[in-house]
Amino acid sequence: MKIMVTGGAGFIGSAVVRQAIRDGHQVVNVDALTYAACLANLGPVADASGYQLVEANICDADAMAAAFKTHRPDAVMHLAAESHVDRSIDGPQDFMQTNIMGTFTLLQSALAYWNSPDRPDDFRFHHISTDEVYGTLGAEGQFTETTPYAPNSPYSASKAASDHLVRAWGETYGLPFVITNCSNNYGPYHFPEKLIPVVILNALAGNDIPVYGKGENVRDWLYVEDHADALLTVLKQGENARTYNIGGENEARNIDIVTTICALLDELRPKDAPYADQITYVADRPGHDLRYAIDPDRIRTELGWRPSVTLDEGLKKTVQWYLDNETWWRALQDRDGVGARLGRG
């Protein structure tokens, strides 16, 4: 297929691009190259014959129409979004503009393309979203595809709105679509303001390792390369107008993630004192959801997909990747404002 990937220079988007190229697809990466984008993420495929970069903002209707007309994709995988919860609390306007109006603009261009006489018969729009649209869980239970939406942050509210837009364009205008809602991603190339890279890089720098509240918030952790594989599986095999929840089957408290990373660093980059001595508890953020957990039964039973990387394996691979790729993360740390926020958890 020729796949248009929006946000393909971001963390998850670049993993999708790399996997799609490895699988033999052609990829058109549409990315505005904002602060969280990094073209170095695409170094392994940048010279591939099937890869093209289009620097454009999804809010630009003319640019989106031109991208469809020029490249004529067989599918869209829509990952472009503002994604950092803390930033959405500090400044929600960018999240409303990109995640809601950007998705609307992209849908309009996709619909015009779908209604054109020579569009591919099997075209579909794959919208990639988050489990945060479902709100929070108590100590028990899991999110399913029929869990009512109850977003609690500006970020999750904007993603919930974009999910509803995609579904409405499918129901009202007949645009073929699938939606996926994922748990917390982690792994190589993770932007250094999110929880796991914040812990790794603060630890290495000898700085305080900030943990919100008591660190008791629980997340289901999904290795990013597993997620990319799942997304391409849904794109190719998922039923039209269907939602699939993608989880890592790896629940853990934030404090357990932090202490595990510290123990890995003690092993892989030892110093005089344990890294856990740097852990500092800070005031919790507003609207911090207690627990997320995904029931993956639908994608497992309908499409035969399961994650391949355990949390212990993934964390060790991730810590080692950051130790081996200091040039990559130092360049991003030098960007304005990066590192000033504690990280999504």
Foldseek 3Di string as FASTA:
>chain_A
DEEEEEPCQADLNVLLVVVCVVVPYAYEYEYLPPLRGDCVSNVVCPPPPRYHYDNDALLDLVSLLVCCVVPQGQEYEYDDADAFQVVCQVPVPRRLCRLANSLVSNLVSLLVLVPDPPHDPNYAYEYEAALQQLPADDPDDADDQPRDGDHQTSNSVSRNNSVVVVLCCCVPVVHWYEYEHEWAEDFPPHACQAQLNVLLVCLVVVAAQEAEDPQQAKTFYAYSNLVSVLSVLCSVQNDTSYYAYYTQPAMDGRVVSNVLLQVLCCVVPNDDDGSVVRYDYDYHDPSQHRYHHHDRVCCCPRRVGHGDAYPNRRSNNRSVNCVVPVVVNVVSVPDPPRPVHNHDD
